[in-house]
Protein backbone atom coordinates (compact mmCIF):
# COMPACT_ATOMS: atom_id res chain seq x y z
CA MET A 1 0.00 0.00 0.00
CA LYS A 2 2.81 2.41 0.90
CA PHE A 3 4.51 1.65 -2.42
CA PHE A 4 1.29 2.44 -4.31
CA MET A 5 0.89 5.78 -2.39
CA ILE A 6 4.47 6.80 -3.25
CA ILE A 7 3.86 6.08 -6.95
CA VAL A 8 0.61 8.05 -6.88
CA LEU A 9 2.31 11.02 -5.16
CA LEU A 10 5.26 10.93 -7.57
CA SER A 11 2.85 10.88 -10.50
CA PHE A 12 0.99 13.86 -9.04
CA TRP A 13 4.24 15.86 -8.49
CA GLU A 14 5.55 14.96 -11.96
CA LYS A 15 2.26 16.01 -13.53
CA GLU A 16 2.31 19.29 -11.60
CA ALA A 17 5.95 19.95 -12.60
CA ILE A 18 5.14 19.26 -16.27
CA GLU A 19 2.10 21.58 -16.12
CA GLN A 20 4.21 24.34 -14.56
CA LYS A 21 6.88 23.92 -17.25
CA ILE A 22 4.26 24.09 -20.02
CA SER A 23 2.72 27.17 -18.37
CA ARG A 24 6.17 28.85 -18.14
CA ASN A 25 6.93 28.00 -21.78
CA ASN A 26 3.55 29.40 -22.91
CA LEU A 27 4.22 32.61 -20.95
CA GLU A 28 7.69 32.91 -22.53
CA ILE A 29 6.19 32.47 -25.99
CA LYS A 30 3.46 35.01 -25.22
CA ASN A 31 6.06 37.52 -23.90
CA TYR A 32 8.33 37.00 -26.91
CA ILE A 33 5.39 37.63 -29.25
CA PHE A 34 4.50 40.79 -27.27
CA LEU A 35 8.07 42.08 -27.65
CA SER A 36 8.18 41.19 -31.34
CA ASP A 37 4.84 42.91 -31.97
CA PHE A 38 5.94 45.97 -30.01
CA PHE A 39 9.07 46.27 -32.16
CA GLU A 40 6.98 45.63 -35.30
CA GLN A 41 8.56 42.22 -36.02
CA ASP A 42 12.11 43.67 -36.01
CA ALA A 43 13.94 40.44 -35.16
CA LYS A 44 17.23 42.17 -34.32
CA LYS A 45 15.64 44.49 -31.72
CA THR A 46 13.42 41.72 -30.37
CA GLN A 47 16.42 39.44 -29.80
CA LYS A 48 18.54 42.24 -28.32
CA TYR A 49 15.98 43.21 -25.71
CA TRP A 50 14.92 39.61 -25.09
CA HIS A 51 18.52 38.93 -24.05
CA GLY A 52 18.53 42.15 -21.99
CA ILE A 53 15.43 40.95 -20.16
CA ALA A 54 17.10 37.60 -19.50
CA ASN A 55 19.99 39.57 -17.96
CA GLY A 56 17.80 41.54 -15.59
CA LEU A 57 16.19 44.33 -17.63
CA GLU A 58 12.94 44.97 -15.75
CA LYS A 59 11.68 48.14 -17.41
CA MET A 60 12.39 50.17 -20.52
CA VAL A 61 11.27 53.47 -21.99
CA PHE A 62 10.73 53.56 -25.76
CA ILE A 63 10.45 56.94 -27.46
CA ASP A 64 9.06 56.82 -30.99
CA ILE A 65 10.05 60.09 -32.68
CA LYS A 66 8.06 59.39 -35.85
CA ASN A 67 4.81 58.89 -33.95
CA GLN A 68 5.69 61.33 -31.13
CA GLN A 69 4.95 58.77 -28.46
CA LEU A 70 6.59 57.55 -25.24
CA SER A 71 5.93 54.04 -23.90
CA VAL A 72 7.10 52.49 -20.65
CA LEU A 73 7.38 48.72 -20.90
CA GLU A 74 7.53 46.51 -17.83
CA PHE A 75 9.00 43.04 -18.03
CA ALA A 76 7.44 41.30 -15.03
CA ASP A 77 5.74 37.91 -15.44
CA THR A 78 3.56 39.17 -18.27
CA PHE A 79 5.16 41.92 -20.36
CA GLN A 80 3.03 45.01 -20.67
CA VAL A 81 2.97 48.68 -21.58
CA ILE A 82 2.36 50.45 -18.26
CA LEU A 83 2.35 54.01 -19.63
CA GLN A 84 1.86 55.43 -23.09
CA THR A 85 1.65 59.15 -23.83
CA LYS A 86 2.15 61.80 -26.49
CA ILE A 87 5.40 63.74 -26.51
CA SER A 88 7.06 66.64 -28.25
CA SER A 89 10.61 65.94 -29.36
CA GLY A 90 13.04 68.31 -31.05
CA LYS A 91 11.58 70.43 -33.83
CA PHE A 92 14.79 70.34 -35.90
CA LYS A 93 16.14 67.17 -37.51
CA GLY A 94 18.66 65.53 -35.18
CA SER A 95 17.97 67.84 -32.24
CA THR A 96 16.63 64.86 -30.29
CA PRO A 97 19.39 62.26 -30.52
CA ALA A 98 18.50 58.71 -31.47
CA GLY A 99 20.04 55.80 -29.62
CA GLU A 100 20.15 54.03 -26.32
CA PHE A 101 20.36 56.05 -23.12
CA LYS A 102 19.81 55.65 -19.39
CA ILE A 103 18.20 58.01 -16.94
CA LEU A 104 21.27 59.46 -15.25
CA LYS A 105 19.82 62.02 -12.84
CA LYS A 106 16.45 63.24 -11.65
CA ARG A 107 15.34 66.61 -10.31
CA LEU A 108 11.90 67.90 -9.44
CA PHE A 109 12.76 71.31 -10.96
CA ARG A 110 15.58 72.39 -13.23
CA PRO A 111 15.94 75.83 -14.78
CA SER A 112 16.84 76.04 -18.46
CA TYR A 113 19.38 78.85 -18.63
CA ARG A 114 19.84 78.35 -22.35
CA HIS A 115 16.18 78.46 -23.39
CA GLY A 116 14.48 80.02 -20.37
CA GLY A 117 11.71 78.47 -18.34
CA VAL A 118 11.68 75.78 -15.71
CA MET A 119 11.62 72.07 -16.51
CA THR A 120 9.60 69.99 -14.07
CA HIS A 121 10.13 66.35 -13.11
CA TRP A 122 13.43 66.38 -15.05
CA ASN A 123 14.86 62.98 -16.11
CA CYS A 124 18.37 63.57 -17.47
CA LEU A 125 19.55 61.39 -20.37
CA THR A 126 22.93 62.92 -21.30
CA ARG A 127 26.02 63.71 -19.23
CA ASP A 128 25.99 67.35 -20.33
CA GLU A 129 22.35 67.57 -19.13
CA ALA A 130 21.29 68.88 -22.55
CA ILE A 131 18.63 66.21 -23.18
CA GLY A 132 15.97 64.93 -20.81
CA ILE A 133 12.36 63.89 -20.41
CA HIS A 134 10.26 66.46 -18.56
CA GLY A 135 7.27 68.73 -18.28
CA LEU A 136 7.42 72.54 -18.07
CA ARG A 137 6.14 74.88 -15.40
CA ASP A 138 4.27 76.91 -18.05
CA ILE A 139 1.62 74.57 -19.48
CA SER A 140 1.21 76.38 -22.81
CA TYR A 141 3.58 73.80 -24.38
CA GLU A 142 0.93 71.07 -24.04
CA LYS A 143 -0.91 72.24 -27.15
CA ASN A 144 2.09 71.01 -29.16
CA LEU A 145 2.21 67.49 -27.72
CA GLY A 146 2.03 64.99 -30.54
CA ARG A 147 4.34 66.96 -32.83
CA PRO A 148 8.00 68.07 -32.71
CA ALA A 149 8.31 71.37 -30.81
CA SER A 150 11.22 71.25 -28.33
CA HIS A 151 14.89 72.21 -28.56
CA GLY A 152 15.78 68.52 -28.28
CA CYS A 153 14.32 67.29 -25.00
CA ILE A 154 11.31 65.02 -24.79
CA ARG A 155 8.38 66.93 -23.34
CA ILE A 156 5.51 65.15 -21.62
CA SER A 157 2.27 66.51 -20.21
CA LYS A 158 1.77 67.78 -16.67
CA SER A 159 -0.75 64.97 -16.12
CA VAL A 160 1.86 62.23 -16.66
CA GLU A 161 5.16 63.85 -15.62
CA LYS A 162 4.85 62.78 -11.95
CA ILE A 163 3.75 59.28 -12.94
CA PHE A 164 6.66 58.90 -15.36
CA TYR A 165 9.10 60.33 -12.79
CA SER A 166 8.11 57.62 -10.30
CA LEU A 167 7.86 54.77 -12.86
CA ALA A 168 11.34 55.27 -14.37
CA PRO A 169 14.08 55.32 -11.72
CA ILE A 170 17.69 56.30 -12.29
CA GLY A 171 19.32 53.64 -14.47
CA THR A 172 16.19 52.91 -16.53
CA LYS A 173 17.08 52.17 -20.17
CA VAL A 174 15.66 54.62 -22.72
CA LEU A 175 15.55 53.82 -26.43
CA ILE A 176 14.97 56.78 -28.76
CA GLU A 177 14.18 56.09 -32.42
């Protein structure tokens, strides 16, 4: 009888282990498809960030210059877009640099001596502090969200600047294309 019970228990544990493995594999496939769809079936980008996720990448900001949109992706169990909003990038070609960046510094307020005004919820992307993601104290800029209008920074609305500031800590990867 004891022998029979052990076999039954082993069968139950094996079945549960197999079901968990299948469930994990299905989730991996689902997450890979999500990433591939997000990058519009660009296999090179999908593979690059898939490997980044395997190496501990938990969150990423993707800035789409062409569509003037910012997305924050979270890579927890189920990958998802946790924030998506309109932006205004640089109004002149090349004024918002393309490439991979990280949030280097954060400040609640930062004056712009070069262009005037005060940037709010500043997320610095470059060592010279020339490019960042932020709102502005004067909200008149919001009418231009959705089209290029800045000197190179990525502007976001007052309604999302605090949310973004808390969602993307220092060290968060930012991809600008």
